[in-house]
């Protein structure tokens, strides 16, 4: 679940901040699933941070790989597996802006995450590197306040981008497979946030669940199969 992975990433960033550390990257590929629970697995993403620095380095990456794809899924009906399989680095604000209706462009969270960045990018001078320079604060509390406000904005954007479809955890799927009719088995049932298929069902009464430590959406695509 991309949404759950995004929530975990934000929680990790907030928890590390109080310990003087930060995340240097934030993508769905840093999170796997143990059953229905997301697990952050990329320990090399942790780095010591300057307490006076109010910048969250993976800001743009988090927006591209989490928030914008979630908005495309919720507001445009685009499947996340199809989207992230062909766009490993996520969506650019300009891409989502082109796809949105004129009204949706002016409504949150699309206004702040897609529309305003697109308008501002058009007025940016080529070769301007000032946005990449460190802007340290004299007081660590000021930097912490800015980071906390940014995290709250992300949390609000995630809440507005929550998927509409119902998602079923692996325990529910396993129970379903055990009671499925012997003439039918689920085909390609589990899909991870990035589109990788992680479950295969085979057989009838002894349906087996094979997964690679992550759980995502259950897609009820049935096919007739011969029992082995």
Protein backbone atom coordinates (compact mmCIF):
# COMPACT_ATOMS: atom_id res chain seq x y z
CA UNK A 1 0.00 0.00 0.00
CA UNK A 2 1.61 3.19 -1.18
CA UNK A 3 -0.34 5.30 1.30
CA UNK A 4 0.79 3.20 4.28
CA UNK A 5 4.39 3.31 3.05
CA UNK A 6 4.18 7.11 2.85
CA UNK A 7 2.83 7.35 6.39
CA UNK A 8 5.64 5.16 7.70
CA UNK A 9 8.26 7.24 5.87
CA UNK A 10 6.91 10.43 7.45
CA UNK A 11 6.85 8.82 10.89
CA UNK A 12 10.46 7.70 10.45
CA UNK A 13 11.55 11.20 9.42
CA UNK A 14 9.86 12.78 12.46
CA UNK A 15 11.29 10.23 14.87
CA UNK A 16 14.82 10.58 13.50
CA UNK A 17 14.68 14.36 13.67
CA UNK A 18 14.45 14.37 17.46
CA UNK A 19 17.55 12.14 17.60
CA UNK A 20 19.62 14.41 15.36
CA UNK A 21 19.31 12.20 12.26
CA UNK A 22 17.40 12.49 9.01
CA UNK A 23 16.45 10.60 5.86
CA UNK A 24 18.49 11.34 2.76
CA UNK A 25 15.98 9.67 0.45
CA UNK A 26 12.30 8.81 0.64
CA UNK A 27 10.87 6.39 -1.92
CA UNK A 28 8.41 3.47 -1.83
CA UNK A 29 11.33 1.13 -2.54
CA UNK A 30 12.60 1.65 1.02
CA UNK A 31 9.49 -0.01 2.45
CA UNK A 32 8.44 -3.67 2.35
CA UNK A 33 5.44 -5.29 4.01
CA UNK A 34 5.30 -7.96 6.68
CA UNK A 35 1.70 -9.06 6.28
CA UNK A 36 -0.33 -5.82 6.33
CA UNK A 37 2.34 -3.85 8.24
CA UNK A 38 4.89 -1.65 6.45
CA UNK A 39 8.54 -2.10 7.42
CA UNK A 40 11.28 0.42 6.63
CA UNK A 41 14.28 -1.57 5.40
CA UNK A 42 16.81 0.93 4.01
CA UNK A 43 19.01 1.69 7.02
CA UNK A 44 21.55 3.38 4.74
CA UNK A 45 19.02 6.20 4.28
CA UNK A 46 19.76 7.40 7.82
CA UNK A 47 22.27 10.23 8.12
CA UNK A 48 23.43 12.72 10.71
CA UNK A 49 21.81 16.10 10.12
CA UNK A 50 22.63 19.65 11.13
CA UNK A 51 20.10 20.69 13.78
CA UNK A 52 20.10 24.23 12.35
CA UNK A 53 19.14 23.02 8.87
CA UNK A 54 15.37 23.37 8.19
CA UNK A 55 15.61 21.55 4.85
CA UNK A 56 14.27 18.04 4.36
CA UNK A 57 16.50 16.78 1.55
CA UNK A 58 14.11 14.18 0.06
CA UNK A 59 11.20 16.65 -0.08
CA UNK A 60 10.89 16.61 -3.88
CA UNK A 61 11.43 12.84 -4.04
CA UNK A 62 8.66 12.22 -1.50
CA UNK A 63 6.29 14.39 -3.50
CA UNK A 64 7.15 12.71 -6.81
CA UNK A 65 7.01 9.10 -5.62
CA UNK A 66 4.27 9.25 -2.99
CA UNK A 67 1.96 12.27 -3.05
CA UNK A 68 1.59 12.89 -6.78
CA UNK A 69 1.00 9.21 -7.70
CA UNK A 70 -1.57 8.94 -4.90
CA UNK A 71 -3.37 11.99 -6.28
CA UNK A 72 -3.29 10.57 -9.80
CA UNK A 73 -4.83 7.37 -8.45
CA UNK A 74 -7.54 9.06 -6.39
CA UNK A 75 -8.58 11.88 -8.70
CA UNK A 76 -7.87 10.35 -12.12
CA UNK A 77 -8.38 6.64 -11.47
CA UNK A 78 -4.88 5.70 -12.65
CA UNK A 79 -3.68 2.40 -11.20
CA UNK A 80 -0.59 2.76 -9.03
CA UNK A 81 1.07 -0.42 -10.34
CA UNK A 82 0.78 0.78 -13.94
CA UNK A 83 1.99 4.24 -13.03
CA UNK A 84 5.08 3.30 -11.03
CA UNK A 85 6.14 0.43 -13.29
CA UNK A 86 6.81 2.92 -16.12
CA UNK A 87 7.79 5.85 -13.88
CA UNK A 88 10.14 4.51 -11.26
CA UNK A 89 11.06 8.04 -10.16
CA UNK A 90 7.42 9.03 -9.82
CA UNK A 91 5.54 11.95 -11.36
CA UNK A 92 6.65 15.51 -11.94
CA UNK A 93 4.23 18.27 -10.86
CA UNK A 94 3.97 19.43 -14.48
CA UNK A 95 2.79 15.99 -15.59
CA UNK A 96 0.00 15.78 -13.04
CA UNK A 97 -0.95 19.40 -13.74
CA UNK A 98 -1.54 18.60 -17.43
CA UNK A 99 -3.78 15.66 -16.54
CA UNK A 100 -5.95 17.47 -13.98
CA UNK A 101 -9.14 19.34 -14.79
CA UNK A 102 -9.09 23.17 -14.45
CA UNK A 103 -11.15 22.97 -11.26
CA UNK A 104 -9.07 20.24 -9.62
CA UNK A 105 -5.90 22.26 -10.28
CA UNK A 106 -7.22 24.97 -7.95
CA UNK A 107 -8.26 22.64 -5.13
CA UNK A 108 -6.04 21.23 -2.37
CA UNK A 109 -3.90 19.24 -2.27
CA UNK A 110 -3.31 19.58 -6.03
CA UNK A 111 -3.01 23.36 -5.75
CA UNK A 112 0.09 23.27 -3.55
CA UNK A 113 1.69 20.08 -4.92
CA UNK A 114 1.09 20.38 -8.67
CA UNK A 115 -0.32 23.77 -9.70
CA UNK A 116 1.87 26.23 -7.79
CA UNK A 117 5.13 24.34 -8.53
CA UNK A 118 4.22 24.32 -12.24
CA UNK A 119 3.52 28.05 -12.29
CA UNK A 120 6.67 28.88 -10.33
CA UNK A 121 8.87 26.63 -12.48
CA UNK A 122 7.86 28.63 -15.54
CA UNK A 123 9.21 31.83 -13.95
CA UNK A 124 12.46 30.33 -12.65
CA UNK A 125 15.62 31.58 -14.28
CA UNK A 126 17.70 28.87 -16.04
CA UNK A 127 20.87 28.06 -14.16
CA UNK A 128 19.62 29.51 -10.87
CA UNK A 129 21.17 27.34 -8.14
CA UNK A 130 20.17 29.47 -5.15
CA UNK A 131 17.40 27.04 -4.21
CA UNK A 132 20.03 24.34 -3.60
CA UNK A 133 22.08 26.38 -1.13
CA UNK A 134 21.90 25.60 2.58
CA UNK A 135 19.78 28.07 4.52
CA UNK A 136 20.80 27.40 8.10
CA UNK A 137 18.96 28.95 11.03
CA UNK A 138 20.75 30.36 14.05
CA UNK A 139 18.35 28.63 16.42
CA UNK A 140 17.79 24.83 16.22
CA UNK A 141 14.24 25.37 17.49
CA UNK A 142 13.42 27.44 14.42
CA UNK A 143 14.65 24.69 12.12
CA UNK A 144 12.68 22.08 14.08
CA UNK A 145 9.53 24.21 13.84
CA UNK A 146 9.88 24.53 10.05
CA UNK A 147 10.40 20.78 9.65
CA UNK A 148 7.42 20.04 11.90
CA UNK A 149 5.21 22.37 9.85
CA UNK A 150 6.37 20.68 6.65
CA UNK A 151 5.57 17.25 8.09
CA UNK A 152 2.08 18.42 9.08
CA UNK A 153 1.48 19.71 5.54
CA UNK A 154 2.54 16.35 4.12
CA UNK A 155 0.24 14.52 6.55
CA UNK A 156 -2.69 16.71 5.46
CA UNK A 157 -1.87 16.03 1.79
CA UNK A 158 -1.76 12.30 2.49
CA UNK A 159 -5.13 12.41 4.22
CA UNK A 160 -6.67 14.08 1.14
CA UNK A 161 -5.00 11.56 -1.17
CA UNK A 162 -6.09 8.41 0.64
CA UNK A 163 -7.08 5.68 -1.85
CA UNK A 164 -10.80 5.11 -2.25
CA UNK A 165 -10.55 1.38 -2.91
CA UNK A 166 -10.80 -1.11 -0.07
CA UNK A 167 -7.61 -3.01 0.57
CA UNK A 168 -7.43 -6.47 2.10
CA UNK A 169 -4.52 -7.78 4.14
CA UNK A 170 -2.71 -11.05 3.62
CA UNK A 171 -4.57 -12.77 6.47
CA UNK A 172 -7.91 -12.08 4.78
CA UNK A 173 -6.57 -13.25 1.43
CA UNK A 174 -5.18 -16.45 2.93
CA UNK A 175 -8.57 -17.23 4.44
CA UNK A 176 -10.25 -16.53 1.13
CA UNK A 177 -7.91 -18.85 -0.75
CA UNK A 178 -8.62 -21.67 1.69
CA UNK A 179 -12.35 -21.49 0.95
CA UNK A 180 -12.17 -20.81 -2.75
CA UNK A 181 -13.89 -23.30 -5.08
CA UNK A 182 -11.58 -25.95 -6.43
CA UNK A 183 -12.25 -24.88 -10.02
CA UNK A 184 -11.06 -21.30 -9.54
CA UNK A 185 -7.93 -19.68 -8.19
CA UNK A 186 -7.01 -16.01 -7.92
CA UNK A 187 -4.69 -14.81 -10.65
CA UNK A 188 -2.01 -12.23 -9.81
CA UNK A 189 -3.86 -11.23 -6.67
CA UNK A 190 -1.35 -9.19 -4.68
CA UNK A 191 0.33 -6.13 -6.11
CA UNK A 192 2.89 -4.06 -4.22
CA UNK A 193 2.91 -0.25 -4.30
CA UNK A 194 5.42 -0.29 -7.15
CA UNK A 195 3.51 -2.84 -9.22
CA UNK A 196 5.60 -5.92 -8.44
CA UNK A 197 3.51 -9.06 -8.13
CA UNK A 198 4.21 -10.78 -4.84
CA UNK A 199 1.67 -13.59 -4.52
CA UNK A 200 0.89 -16.64 -6.60
CA UNK A 201 -1.89 -19.08 -5.84
CA UNK A 202 -1.77 -22.61 -7.15
CA UNK A 203 -3.86 -25.73 -6.56
CA UNK A 204 -7.32 -25.99 -5.07
CA UNK A 205 -7.88 -27.22 -1.51
CA UNK A 206 -4.23 -26.73 -0.69
CA UNK A 207 -3.90 -23.20 -2.05
CA UNK A 208 -0.49 -21.88 -1.19
CA UNK A 209 0.43 -18.30 -0.54
CA UNK A 210 3.89 -17.34 -1.70
CA UNK A 211 4.95 -13.78 -1.03
CA UNK A 212 8.11 -11.68 -0.88
CA UNK A 213 7.60 -9.89 2.44
CA UNK A 214 5.18 -7.30 1.23
CA UNK A 215 1.41 -6.91 0.95
CA UNK A 216 -0.64 -4.60 -1.14
CA UNK A 217 -3.97 -4.42 -2.94
CA UNK A 218 -6.01 -7.53 -3.62
CA UNK A 219 -7.30 -7.60 -7.15
CA UNK A 220 -10.04 -10.18 -7.65
CA UNK A 221 -9.13 -11.39 -11.11
CA UNK A 222 -10.38 -14.95 -11.47
CA UNK A 223 -9.51 -17.58 -13.98
CA UNK A 224 -10.47 -21.23 -14.40
CA UNK A 225 -7.61 -23.52 -13.59
CA UNK A 226 -6.96 -27.26 -13.56
CA UNK A 227 -6.17 -28.63 -10.10
CA UNK A 228 -2.68 -30.02 -9.80
